N, C-alpha and C. Protein backbone atom coordinates (compact mmCIF):
# COMPACT_ATOMS: atom_id res chain seq x y z
N MET A 1 82.38 103.08 82.85
CA MET A 1 83.18 102.45 83.97
C MET A 1 83.50 100.93 83.39
N ARG A 2 82.52 100.41 82.82
CA ARG A 2 82.74 98.97 82.37
C ARG A 2 83.92 98.81 81.39
N VAL A 3 83.90 99.88 80.57
CA VAL A 3 84.98 99.74 79.40
C VAL A 3 86.31 100.12 80.08
N HIS A 4 86.43 100.95 81.10
CA HIS A 4 87.62 101.33 81.76
C HIS A 4 88.18 100.12 82.64
N LEU A 5 87.11 99.36 83.23
CA LEU A 5 87.63 98.07 83.95
C LEU A 5 88.19 97.06 83.06
N LEU A 6 87.43 96.90 81.82
CA LEU A 6 87.94 95.97 80.83
C LEU A 6 89.30 96.31 80.35
N ILE A 7 89.54 97.69 80.12
CA ILE A 7 90.92 98.01 79.61
C ILE A 7 91.91 97.77 80.71
N ALA A 8 91.53 98.26 81.90
CA ALA A 8 92.37 98.03 83.08
C ALA A 8 92.86 96.55 83.25
N CYS A 9 91.94 95.70 83.14
CA CYS A 9 92.14 94.25 83.30
C CYS A 9 93.07 93.76 82.18
N THR A 10 92.92 94.19 80.86
CA THR A 10 93.68 93.83 79.88
C THR A 10 95.10 94.26 79.99
N ILE A 11 95.30 95.55 80.39
CA ILE A 11 96.48 96.05 80.62
C ILE A 11 97.13 95.35 81.70
N ALA A 12 96.50 94.97 82.91
CA ALA A 12 97.17 94.39 83.93
C ALA A 12 97.71 92.96 83.61
N LEU A 13 96.93 92.32 82.80
CA LEU A 13 97.30 90.93 82.28
C LEU A 13 98.60 91.08 81.45
N LEU A 14 98.65 92.02 80.50
CA LEU A 14 99.71 92.19 79.86
C LEU A 14 101.05 92.63 80.68
N LEU A 15 100.78 93.56 81.44
CA LEU A 15 101.93 93.96 82.27
C LEU A 15 102.38 92.75 83.28
N ALA A 16 101.43 92.02 83.75
CA ALA A 16 101.80 90.92 84.70
C ALA A 16 102.75 89.81 83.87
N ALA A 17 102.41 89.58 82.61
CA ALA A 17 103.12 88.74 81.76
C ALA A 17 104.50 89.20 81.42
N CYS A 18 104.63 90.53 81.36
CA CYS A 18 105.97 91.16 80.99
C CYS A 18 106.70 91.65 82.08
N ALA A 19 106.19 91.55 83.32
CA ALA A 19 106.86 92.23 84.50
C ALA A 19 108.11 91.59 84.97
N SER A 20 108.42 90.32 84.66
CA SER A 20 109.66 89.84 85.03
C SER A 20 110.51 89.39 83.86
N GLN A 21 111.63 89.67 83.85
CA GLN A 21 112.52 89.32 82.67
C GLN A 21 113.78 88.70 83.21
N PRO A 22 114.29 87.66 82.44
CA PRO A 22 115.58 87.17 82.76
C PRO A 22 116.62 88.32 82.92
N PRO A 23 117.72 88.03 83.84
CA PRO A 23 118.82 88.92 83.87
C PRO A 23 119.47 89.07 82.36
N THR A 24 119.75 90.39 82.10
CA THR A 24 120.54 90.62 80.87
C THR A 24 121.99 90.26 81.04
N PRO A 25 122.70 89.67 80.17
CA PRO A 25 124.09 89.30 80.31
C PRO A 25 124.81 90.64 80.67
N GLY A 26 125.75 90.58 81.65
CA GLY A 26 126.53 91.62 81.96
C GLY A 26 125.97 92.49 83.00
N ARG A 27 124.64 92.27 83.34
CA ARG A 27 123.83 93.11 84.10
C ARG A 27 123.51 92.35 85.38
N PRO A 28 123.67 92.84 86.57
CA PRO A 28 123.43 91.88 87.84
C PRO A 28 121.82 91.49 87.89
N ALA A 29 121.68 90.31 88.54
CA ALA A 29 120.31 89.78 88.78
C ALA A 29 119.62 90.81 89.78
N GLN A 30 118.30 90.62 89.93
CA GLN A 30 117.57 91.27 90.93
C GLN A 30 118.28 91.22 92.34
N ALA A 31 118.08 92.17 93.06
CA ALA A 31 118.74 92.35 94.40
C ALA A 31 118.09 91.33 95.26
N LEU A 32 117.00 90.92 95.10
CA LEU A 32 116.48 90.02 96.14
C LEU A 32 115.98 88.69 95.40
N PRO A 33 116.78 87.90 94.97
CA PRO A 33 116.61 86.71 94.05
C PRO A 33 115.71 85.59 94.84
N ASP A 34 115.74 85.62 96.22
CA ASP A 34 114.98 84.77 96.83
C ASP A 34 113.40 85.19 96.95
N ARG A 35 113.13 86.41 96.55
CA ARG A 35 111.79 86.89 96.71
C ARG A 35 110.92 86.14 95.78
N PRO A 36 110.03 85.56 96.26
CA PRO A 36 109.03 84.66 95.34
C PRO A 36 108.32 85.62 94.41
N PRO A 37 107.82 85.06 93.32
CA PRO A 37 106.99 85.77 92.41
C PRO A 37 105.74 86.27 93.10
N GLY A 38 105.05 87.39 92.49
CA GLY A 38 103.86 87.99 93.01
C GLY A 38 102.83 87.04 93.68
N ASN A 39 102.12 87.58 94.53
CA ASN A 39 101.02 86.71 95.03
C ASN A 39 99.64 87.32 94.62
N GLU A 40 98.65 86.69 94.80
CA GLU A 40 97.33 86.91 94.37
C GLU A 40 96.82 88.28 94.90
N LYS A 41 97.06 88.61 96.21
CA LYS A 41 96.74 89.96 96.69
C LYS A 41 97.36 91.10 96.07
N ALA A 42 98.62 90.83 95.68
CA ALA A 42 99.48 91.96 95.14
C ALA A 42 98.83 92.14 93.60
N HIS A 43 98.47 91.13 92.86
CA HIS A 43 97.85 91.27 91.60
C HIS A 43 96.46 91.97 91.72
N ASP A 44 95.77 91.62 92.82
CA ASP A 44 94.34 92.28 93.09
C ASP A 44 94.63 93.81 93.30
N VAL A 45 95.62 94.09 93.85
CA VAL A 45 96.04 95.52 94.19
C VAL A 45 96.16 96.26 92.86
N VAL A 46 97.03 95.57 92.01
CA VAL A 46 97.28 96.26 90.60
C VAL A 46 96.01 96.47 89.79
N LEU A 47 95.12 95.31 89.84
CA LEU A 47 93.81 95.39 89.09
C LEU A 47 92.95 96.59 89.62
N PHE A 48 92.89 96.56 90.76
CA PHE A 48 92.09 97.73 91.48
C PHE A 48 92.55 99.07 91.20
N ALA A 49 93.88 99.23 91.16
CA ALA A 49 94.48 100.44 90.96
C ALA A 49 94.30 100.92 89.45
N LEU A 50 94.36 99.97 88.56
CA LEU A 50 94.07 100.18 87.14
C LEU A 50 92.59 100.59 86.94
N SER A 51 91.81 100.10 87.84
CA SER A 51 90.35 100.42 87.63
C SER A 51 90.05 101.88 88.07
N LEU A 52 91.00 102.38 88.74
CA LEU A 52 90.80 103.81 89.25
C LEU A 52 91.41 104.90 88.36
N ILE A 53 91.95 104.39 87.30
CA ILE A 53 92.54 105.49 86.45
C ILE A 53 91.58 106.46 86.00
N ASP A 54 92.07 107.72 85.96
CA ASP A 54 91.13 108.94 85.65
C ASP A 54 90.20 109.28 86.75
N THR A 55 90.28 108.68 87.98
CA THR A 55 89.57 109.20 89.20
C THR A 55 90.18 110.50 89.54
N GLY A 56 89.23 111.39 89.95
CA GLY A 56 89.74 112.87 90.21
C GLY A 56 90.60 112.88 91.42
N TYR A 57 91.55 113.80 91.44
CA TYR A 57 92.40 114.09 92.59
C TYR A 57 91.69 115.12 93.62
N ARG A 58 91.89 114.81 94.78
CA ARG A 58 91.40 115.81 95.82
C ARG A 58 92.49 115.62 97.08
N PHE A 59 93.09 116.79 97.49
CA PHE A 59 93.95 116.62 98.49
C PHE A 59 93.26 116.12 99.84
N GLY A 60 93.85 115.23 100.47
CA GLY A 60 93.22 114.46 101.72
C GLY A 60 92.05 113.47 101.22
N GLY A 61 91.91 113.16 99.98
CA GLY A 61 90.79 112.42 99.47
C GLY A 61 91.06 110.90 99.88
N LYS A 62 90.10 110.06 100.19
CA LYS A 62 90.26 108.99 100.70
C LYS A 62 89.23 107.84 100.01
N ASN A 63 88.47 108.34 99.08
CA ASN A 63 87.60 107.50 98.42
C ASN A 63 87.33 108.03 96.97
N PRO A 64 87.13 107.18 95.92
CA PRO A 64 87.03 107.63 94.51
C PRO A 64 85.81 108.56 94.27
N GLU A 65 84.85 108.46 95.16
CA GLU A 65 83.52 109.40 94.90
C GLU A 65 84.01 110.84 95.30
N ALA A 66 84.73 110.95 96.13
CA ALA A 66 85.11 112.32 96.61
C ALA A 66 86.40 112.71 95.94
N GLY A 67 87.22 111.90 95.60
CA GLY A 67 88.52 112.04 94.93
C GLY A 67 89.74 111.59 95.74
N LEU A 68 90.77 111.40 95.17
CA LEU A 68 91.86 110.60 96.06
C LEU A 68 93.23 111.50 95.91
N ASP A 69 93.81 111.49 97.00
CA ASP A 69 95.39 111.98 96.89
C ASP A 69 96.17 110.64 96.96
N CYS A 70 97.39 110.88 96.92
CA CYS A 70 98.27 109.59 96.74
C CYS A 70 98.12 108.55 97.91
N SER A 71 98.30 109.05 99.04
CA SER A 71 98.14 108.14 100.25
C SER A 71 96.82 107.65 100.43
N GLY A 72 95.72 108.47 100.09
CA GLY A 72 94.32 108.03 100.21
C GLY A 72 94.18 107.03 99.32
N MET A 73 94.60 107.01 97.87
CA MET A 73 94.47 106.00 96.80
C MET A 73 95.08 104.76 97.36
N VAL A 74 96.23 104.77 97.87
CA VAL A 74 96.96 103.52 98.40
C VAL A 74 96.23 102.89 99.57
N SER A 75 95.83 103.79 100.49
CA SER A 75 94.94 103.13 101.67
C SER A 75 93.75 102.53 101.17
N TYR A 76 93.00 103.10 100.36
CA TYR A 76 91.86 102.71 99.88
C TYR A 76 91.92 101.36 99.09
N ILE A 77 93.05 101.41 97.95
CA ILE A 77 93.16 100.09 97.24
C ILE A 77 93.71 98.87 98.07
N TYR A 78 94.63 99.27 99.00
CA TYR A 78 95.24 98.13 99.76
C TYR A 78 94.12 97.59 100.71
N GLY A 79 93.30 98.42 101.22
CA GLY A 79 92.22 97.91 102.19
C GLY A 79 91.14 97.10 101.42
N ARG A 80 90.67 97.64 100.25
CA ARG A 80 89.59 96.94 99.51
C ARG A 80 90.09 95.76 98.65
N ALA A 81 91.22 95.86 98.10
CA ALA A 81 91.75 94.75 97.18
C ALA A 81 92.51 93.67 97.97
N ALA A 82 93.18 93.98 99.01
CA ALA A 82 93.96 93.12 99.76
C ALA A 82 93.72 92.87 101.30
N GLY A 83 92.78 93.70 101.76
CA GLY A 83 92.52 93.59 103.14
C GLY A 83 93.59 94.10 104.11
N ILE A 84 94.48 94.80 103.51
CA ILE A 84 95.71 95.31 104.34
C ILE A 84 95.41 96.66 104.68
N LYS A 85 95.41 96.99 105.96
CA LYS A 85 95.17 98.30 106.55
C LYS A 85 96.46 99.25 106.54
N VAL A 86 96.61 100.22 105.55
CA VAL A 86 97.75 101.10 105.66
C VAL A 86 96.93 102.58 105.76
N SER A 87 97.57 103.49 106.46
CA SER A 87 96.86 104.69 106.70
C SER A 87 97.87 105.77 107.03
N GLY A 88 97.43 106.91 107.01
CA GLY A 88 98.28 108.07 107.20
C GLY A 88 99.03 108.64 105.91
N SER A 89 99.91 109.52 106.06
CA SER A 89 100.71 110.10 104.87
C SER A 89 101.61 109.10 104.21
N ALA A 90 101.97 109.57 103.11
CA ALA A 90 102.98 108.65 102.37
C ALA A 90 104.20 108.19 103.25
N ALA A 91 104.66 109.22 104.01
CA ALA A 91 105.75 108.94 104.92
C ALA A 91 105.35 108.01 105.85
N ASP A 92 104.19 108.00 106.47
CA ASP A 92 103.84 107.06 107.46
C ASP A 92 103.65 105.68 106.92
N ILE A 93 103.21 105.62 105.67
CA ILE A 93 103.07 104.34 104.93
C ILE A 93 104.46 103.82 104.69
N ALA A 94 105.43 104.53 104.35
CA ALA A 94 106.72 104.13 104.04
C ALA A 94 107.48 103.48 105.30
N ARG A 95 107.18 104.13 106.47
CA ARG A 95 107.67 103.54 107.76
C ARG A 95 107.18 102.23 108.06
N ARG A 96 106.08 101.77 107.57
CA ARG A 96 105.44 100.48 107.96
C ARG A 96 105.84 99.35 106.85
N GLY A 97 106.19 99.69 105.76
CA GLY A 97 106.46 98.65 104.72
C GLY A 97 107.89 98.01 104.86
N ARG A 98 108.02 96.99 104.16
CA ARG A 98 109.43 96.33 104.25
C ARG A 98 110.13 96.79 103.05
N PRO A 99 111.48 97.17 103.34
CA PRO A 99 112.19 97.74 102.18
C PRO A 99 112.43 96.68 101.03
N VAL A 100 112.39 97.22 99.83
CA VAL A 100 112.58 96.60 98.63
C VAL A 100 113.48 97.37 97.59
N GLU A 101 114.51 96.70 97.10
CA GLU A 101 115.43 97.37 96.07
C GLU A 101 114.64 97.74 94.79
N ARG A 102 114.96 98.75 94.27
CA ARG A 102 114.15 99.10 93.01
C ARG A 102 114.27 97.92 92.03
N SER A 103 115.40 97.34 91.82
CA SER A 103 115.67 96.17 90.96
C SER A 103 114.85 94.94 91.32
N GLY A 104 114.34 94.85 92.54
CA GLY A 104 113.38 93.77 93.05
C GLY A 104 112.04 94.12 93.07
N LEU A 105 111.51 95.17 92.52
CA LEU A 105 110.16 95.61 92.53
C LEU A 105 109.21 94.62 91.92
N ARG A 106 108.18 94.31 92.41
CA ARG A 106 107.02 93.41 91.82
C ARG A 106 105.81 94.25 91.83
N PRO A 107 104.94 93.93 91.01
CA PRO A 107 103.53 94.60 91.07
C PRO A 107 102.97 94.52 92.27
N GLY A 108 102.36 95.67 92.74
CA GLY A 108 101.74 95.64 94.12
C GLY A 108 102.53 96.35 95.10
N ASP A 109 103.80 96.46 94.84
CA ASP A 109 104.86 97.06 95.79
C ASP A 109 104.52 98.69 95.65
N LEU A 110 105.00 99.47 96.70
CA LEU A 110 104.91 100.76 96.73
C LEU A 110 106.16 101.57 96.40
N VAL A 111 106.09 102.49 95.63
CA VAL A 111 107.26 103.42 95.26
C VAL A 111 106.97 104.77 95.88
N PHE A 112 108.09 105.32 96.34
CA PHE A 112 108.06 106.61 97.19
C PHE A 112 108.99 107.65 96.47
N PHE A 113 108.53 108.85 96.52
CA PHE A 113 109.24 109.95 95.93
C PHE A 113 109.26 111.20 96.88
N ASN A 114 110.28 112.10 96.57
CA ASN A 114 110.32 113.30 97.20
C ASN A 114 110.10 114.35 96.22
N THR A 115 108.72 114.77 96.37
CA THR A 115 108.18 115.58 95.26
C THR A 115 107.87 117.07 95.84
N ARG A 116 108.09 117.26 97.14
CA ARG A 116 107.78 118.53 97.75
C ARG A 116 108.99 119.01 98.63
N ASN A 117 110.16 118.61 98.34
CA ASN A 117 111.22 118.91 99.20
C ASN A 117 111.24 118.27 100.54
N ALA A 118 110.52 117.13 100.64
CA ALA A 118 110.23 116.39 101.91
C ALA A 118 110.41 114.94 101.58
N SER A 119 111.12 114.20 102.35
CA SER A 119 111.22 112.79 102.00
C SER A 119 109.85 112.10 102.09
N PHE A 120 109.62 111.24 101.32
CA PHE A 120 108.53 110.24 101.21
C PHE A 120 107.19 111.17 101.01
N SER A 121 107.11 112.21 100.25
CA SER A 121 106.09 113.02 100.20
C SER A 121 105.07 112.65 99.08
N HIS A 122 105.37 111.46 98.34
CA HIS A 122 104.39 110.96 97.32
C HIS A 122 104.67 109.63 97.19
N VAL A 123 103.61 108.81 96.88
CA VAL A 123 103.51 107.33 96.87
C VAL A 123 102.66 106.94 95.70
N GLY A 124 103.11 105.87 95.00
CA GLY A 124 102.37 105.16 93.96
C GLY A 124 102.51 103.69 94.07
N ILE A 125 101.79 102.92 93.35
CA ILE A 125 101.63 101.57 93.30
C ILE A 125 102.38 100.96 92.00
N TYR A 126 103.34 100.21 92.12
CA TYR A 126 104.08 99.66 91.00
C TYR A 126 103.23 98.62 90.42
N ILE A 127 103.18 98.81 89.03
CA ILE A 127 102.20 97.83 88.29
C ILE A 127 103.16 96.94 87.42
N GLY A 128 104.41 97.00 87.31
CA GLY A 128 105.30 96.24 86.41
C GLY A 128 105.77 97.11 85.18
N ASP A 129 106.75 96.48 84.50
CA ASP A 129 107.33 97.34 83.32
C ASP A 129 107.82 98.63 83.56
N ASP A 130 108.37 98.94 84.70
CA ASP A 130 108.68 100.23 85.18
C ASP A 130 107.74 101.30 85.30
N ARG A 131 106.48 100.94 85.53
CA ARG A 131 105.36 101.85 85.51
C ARG A 131 104.72 101.79 86.91
N PHE A 132 103.94 102.97 87.33
CA PHE A 132 103.25 102.96 88.54
C PHE A 132 101.99 103.71 88.37
N VAL A 133 101.12 103.56 89.30
CA VAL A 133 99.74 104.17 89.28
C VAL A 133 99.77 105.14 90.53
N HIS A 134 99.48 106.36 90.28
CA HIS A 134 99.49 107.33 91.49
C HIS A 134 98.52 108.40 91.21
N ALA A 135 98.29 109.27 92.19
CA ALA A 135 97.39 110.30 92.21
C ALA A 135 98.22 111.62 92.44
N PRO A 136 98.77 112.11 91.25
CA PRO A 136 99.50 113.25 91.50
C PRO A 136 98.60 114.62 91.48
N SER A 137 99.03 115.50 92.30
CA SER A 137 98.03 116.73 92.54
C SER A 137 98.08 117.58 91.23
N GLY A 138 99.11 117.69 90.46
CA GLY A 138 99.16 118.49 89.23
C GLY A 138 98.24 118.18 88.00
N SER A 139 98.01 116.81 88.00
CA SER A 139 97.31 116.40 86.77
C SER A 139 95.72 116.38 87.12
N GLY A 140 95.33 116.23 88.37
CA GLY A 140 94.09 116.25 88.74
C GLY A 140 93.29 114.95 88.49
N ARG A 141 94.12 113.87 88.13
CA ARG A 141 93.59 112.50 87.96
C ARG A 141 94.59 111.51 88.40
N VAL A 142 94.01 110.34 88.67
CA VAL A 142 94.85 109.08 88.94
C VAL A 142 95.42 108.66 87.51
N ARG A 143 96.64 108.42 87.48
CA ARG A 143 97.29 108.00 86.11
C ARG A 143 98.37 107.12 86.30
N ILE A 144 98.93 106.58 85.29
CA ILE A 144 100.18 105.88 85.14
C ILE A 144 101.37 106.67 84.58
N ASP A 145 102.46 106.51 85.23
CA ASP A 145 103.62 107.04 84.85
C ASP A 145 104.80 106.07 84.84
N GLN A 146 105.94 106.46 84.13
CA GLN A 146 107.05 105.62 84.21
C GLN A 146 108.02 106.10 85.26
N LEU A 147 108.73 104.95 85.88
CA LEU A 147 109.69 105.40 87.02
C LEU A 147 110.84 106.18 86.39
N ASP A 148 111.22 105.69 85.17
CA ASP A 148 112.32 106.35 84.53
C ASP A 148 112.29 107.62 83.75
N THR A 149 111.06 108.29 83.83
CA THR A 149 110.92 109.61 83.24
C THR A 149 111.87 110.43 84.19
N ARG A 150 112.24 111.45 83.59
CA ARG A 150 113.14 112.42 84.30
C ARG A 150 112.68 112.84 85.64
N TYR A 151 111.50 113.31 85.58
CA TYR A 151 111.00 113.95 86.89
C TYR A 151 111.00 112.93 88.04
N TYR A 152 110.47 111.72 87.78
CA TYR A 152 110.31 110.75 88.75
C TYR A 152 111.61 109.95 89.09
N ALA A 153 112.43 109.79 88.08
CA ALA A 153 113.79 109.22 88.27
C ALA A 153 114.53 110.08 89.25
N GLN A 154 114.49 111.50 89.10
CA GLN A 154 115.27 112.28 90.03
C GLN A 154 114.76 112.33 91.40
N ARG A 155 113.53 111.94 91.50
CA ARG A 155 112.78 112.14 92.83
C ARG A 155 112.48 110.77 93.61
N PHE A 156 112.76 109.66 92.85
CA PHE A 156 112.58 108.31 93.56
C PHE A 156 113.52 108.26 94.71
N GLU A 157 112.90 107.78 95.81
CA GLU A 157 113.60 107.62 97.14
C GLU A 157 113.72 106.01 97.49
N THR A 158 112.64 105.26 97.51
CA THR A 158 112.65 103.87 97.90
C THR A 158 111.41 103.33 97.44
N ALA A 159 111.41 101.87 97.88
CA ALA A 159 110.29 101.17 97.44
C ALA A 159 110.08 100.17 98.73
N ARG A 160 108.77 99.93 99.05
CA ARG A 160 108.33 99.11 100.23
C ARG A 160 107.28 98.09 99.68
N THR A 161 107.18 97.00 100.46
CA THR A 161 106.23 95.97 100.21
C THR A 161 105.43 95.68 101.53
N PHE A 162 104.27 95.20 101.29
CA PHE A 162 103.37 94.78 102.39
C PHE A 162 103.05 93.30 102.10
N PHE A 163 103.69 92.65 101.11
CA PHE A 163 103.39 91.33 100.70
C PHE A 163 104.63 90.43 101.04
N ASP A 164 104.52 89.07 100.99
CA ASP A 164 105.54 88.08 101.15
C ASP A 164 105.16 87.51 102.72
């Protein structure tokens, strides 16, 4: 576990350093230019999420010892790392967060997908560099994926934040 935490911290620091890039010429700036850079609680959320990589999946799971599902993972991490109470299904969590444009995502924000033919049926934590941590049922483990992979790009619905 100690090695996983060290690796997670190293990855988080690298991602945090690379998370924001200047606008590319000919490409519009972020949708929310007045949105301040990430805050300490958001970075704590990312570090905590990374420390849970390879934790087992369990439908309805709300803690790492028993296993986590996507919404249980978000609730657990936000509560422990940031002291923010979020609970319920992915759709419940989506209704409570403040909308964020995909182009304005910051580490610690939440990303939502339609993976079961139902809006907001899956949620993950954005960690920067177009990547997110989530607990997908198919893999059986908490893992990192890219937002622009075909599967997730086709199913991306929205992003929300609980920070600022």
